[in-house]
Amino acid sequence: MPEYRFTEYFEREVLRKRPYLRREWCVAVVENPTRTERQEDNRWRFWAPVPELDGRHLREITLDDRTTIHNAFPDRGFTP
């Protein structure tokens, strides 16, 4: 099982703006995504529904290693 880390940006900004987010949800999204795609800037996007968010999809952004979580937010426009 990979060791997941969180960027300083995630710790300082993302959790400040979205204090309801839980790190364990973020790890679960990366481990069991509904969809994954590579971004242009060597980062990855992951989407998965989170039951605690009433089943809405959470979008995660990781660094290129796919284990360092950089950003997370509910994706209101996601369609599976």
C-alpha atoms as a PDB file:
ATOM      1  CA  MET A   1       0.000   0.000   0.000  1.00  0.00           C
ATOM      2  CA  PRO A   2       1.482   3.378  -0.980  1.00  0.00           C
ATOM      3  CA  GLU A   3       2.218   6.025   1.594  1.00  0.00           C
ATOM      4  CA  TYR A   4       0.104   9.101   0.892  1.00  0.00           C
ATOM      5  CA  ARG A   5       1.313  12.599   1.613  1.00  0.00           C
ATOM      6  CA  PHE A   6      -0.274  16.043   1.413  1.00  0.00           C
ATOM      7  CA  THR A   7       1.355  19.168   0.033  1.00  0.00           C
ATOM      8  CA  GLU A   8       1.823  22.261   2.133  1.00  0.00           C
ATOM      9  CA  TYR A   9      -0.757  23.951  -0.129  1.00  0.00           C
ATOM     10  CA  PHE A  10      -3.290  21.250   0.769  1.00  0.00           C
ATOM     11  CA  GLU A  11      -2.593  21.568   4.483  1.00  0.00           C
ATOM     12  CA  ARG A  12      -2.678  25.382   4.554  1.00  0.00           C
ATOM     13  CA  GLU A  13      -5.142  26.415   1.873  1.00  0.00           C
ATOM     14  CA  VAL A  14      -7.405  23.522   0.927  1.00  0.00           C
ATOM     15  CA  LEU A  15      -8.273  22.506   4.478  1.00  0.00           C
ATOM     16  CA  ARG A  16      -8.719  26.156   5.480  1.00  0.00           C
ATOM     17  CA  LYS A  17     -11.172  26.770   2.617  1.00  0.00           C
ATOM     18  CA  ARG A  18     -12.912  23.382   2.959  1.00  0.00           C
ATOM     19  CA  PRO A  19     -12.652  22.345   6.614  1.00  0.00           C
ATOM     20  CA  TYR A  20     -15.274  19.625   6.115  1.00  0.00           C
ATOM     21  CA  LEU A  21     -12.855  17.568   3.966  1.00  0.00           C
ATOM     22  CA  ARG A  22     -11.225  14.529   5.540  1.00  0.00           C
ATOM     23  CA  ARG A  23      -7.829  13.172   4.551  1.00  0.00           C
ATOM     24  CA  GLU A  24      -9.184   9.617   4.548  1.00  0.00           C
ATOM     25  CA  TRP A  25     -11.765  10.595   1.892  1.00  0.00           C
ATOM     26  CA  CYS A  26      -8.954  11.989  -0.231  1.00  0.00           C
ATOM     27  CA  VAL A  27      -6.959   8.767   0.003  1.00  0.00           C
ATOM     28  CA  ALA A  28     -10.076   6.697  -0.797  1.00  0.00           C
ATOM     29  CA  VAL A  29     -10.703   8.747  -3.962  1.00  0.00           C
ATOM     30  CA  VAL A  30      -7.161   8.141  -5.220  1.00  0.00           C
ATOM     31  CA  GLU A  31      -7.344   4.432  -4.392  1.00  0.00           C
ATOM     32  CA  ASN A  32     -10.795   3.819  -5.946  1.00  0.00           C
ATOM     33  CA  PRO A  33     -11.466   6.441  -8.626  1.00  0.00           C
ATOM     34  CA  THR A  34     -14.463   6.526 -10.930  1.00  0.00           C
ATOM     35  CA  ARG A  35     -12.256   8.323 -13.449  1.00  0.00           C
ATOM     36  CA  THR A  36      -8.581   9.290 -13.706  1.00  0.00           C
ATOM     37  CA  GLU A  37      -6.822  11.570 -16.149  1.00  0.00           C
ATOM     38  CA  ARG A  38      -3.424  13.160 -16.544  1.00  0.00           C
ATOM     39  CA  GLN A  39      -3.183  16.952 -16.540  1.00  0.00           C
ATOM     40  CA  GLU A  40      -0.822  18.954 -18.733  1.00  0.00           C
ATOM     41  CA  ASP A  41       1.370  20.036 -15.809  1.00  0.00           C
ATOM     42  CA  ASN A  42       2.411  16.496 -14.755  1.00  0.00           C
ATOM     43  CA  ARG A  43      -0.362  16.189 -12.231  1.00  0.00           C
ATOM     44  CA  TRP A  44      -3.226  13.718 -12.061  1.00  0.00           C
ATOM     45  CA  ARG A  45      -6.967  14.149 -11.534  1.00  0.00           C
ATOM     46  CA  PHE A  46      -9.075  11.561  -9.742  1.00  0.00           C
ATOM     47  CA  TRP A  47     -12.842  11.537  -9.218  1.00  0.00           C
ATOM     48  CA  ALA A  48     -14.959   9.331  -6.974  1.00  0.00           C
ATOM     49  CA  PRO A  49     -18.248   9.652  -5.108  1.00  0.00           C
ATOM     50  CA  VAL A  50     -18.013  10.254  -1.369  1.00  0.00           C
ATOM     51  CA  PRO A  51     -21.011   8.980   0.647  1.00  0.00           C
ATOM     52  CA  GLU A  52     -20.419  11.593   3.361  1.00  0.00           C
ATOM     53  CA  LEU A  53     -20.885  14.306   0.713  1.00  0.00           C
ATOM     54  CA  ASP A  54     -24.315  12.896  -0.216  1.00  0.00           C
ATOM     55  CA  GLY A  55     -22.684  10.869  -2.985  1.00  0.00           C
ATOM     56  CA  ARG A  56     -21.255  13.897  -4.789  1.00  0.00           C
ATOM     57  CA  HIS A  57     -17.955  13.350  -6.565  1.00  0.00           C
ATOM     58  CA  LEU A  58     -14.788  14.672  -5.008  1.00  0.00           C
ATOM     59  CA  ARG A  59     -12.063  15.729  -7.438  1.00  0.00           C
ATOM     60  CA  GLU A  60      -8.500  15.174  -6.276  1.00  0.00           C
ATOM     61  CA  ILE A  61      -5.361  16.570  -7.809  1.00  0.00           C
ATOM     62  CA  THR A  62      -2.088  14.775  -7.083  1.00  0.00           C
ATOM     63  CA  LEU A  63       1.468  15.419  -8.058  1.00  0.00           C
ATOM     64  CA  ASP A  64       3.027  13.208 -10.734  1.00  0.00           C
ATOM     65  CA  ASP A  65       3.821  10.478  -8.175  1.00  0.00           C
ATOM     66  CA  ARG A  66       0.057   9.940  -7.703  1.00  0.00           C
ATOM     67  CA  THR A  67       0.519   9.682  -3.934  1.00  0.00           C
ATOM     68  CA  THR A  68       1.040  13.332  -2.975  1.00  0.00           C
ATOM     69  CA  ILE A  69      -2.375  14.977  -2.717  1.00  0.00           C
ATOM     70  CA  HIS A  70      -2.332  18.639  -3.679  1.00  0.00           C
ATOM     71  CA  ASN A  71      -5.968  19.733  -4.007  1.00  0.00           C
ATOM     72  CA  ALA A  72      -9.476  18.415  -3.386  1.00  0.00           C
ATOM     73  CA  PHE A  73     -12.962  19.793  -3.897  1.00  0.00           C
ATOM     74  CA  PRO A  74     -16.510  18.646  -4.663  1.00  0.00           C
ATOM     75  CA  ASP A  75     -16.925  18.661  -8.431  1.00  0.00           C
ATOM     76  CA  ARG A  76     -20.454  19.894  -9.018  1.00  0.00           C
ATOM     77  CA  GLY A  77     -20.145  19.520 -12.793  1.00  0.00           C
ATOM     78  CA  PHE A  78     -18.882  15.933 -12.855  1.00  0.00           C
ATOM     79  CA  THR A  79     -20.892  13.473 -14.895  1.00  0.00           C
ATOM     80  CA  PRO A  80     -19.817   9.812 -14.874  1.00  0.00           C
END
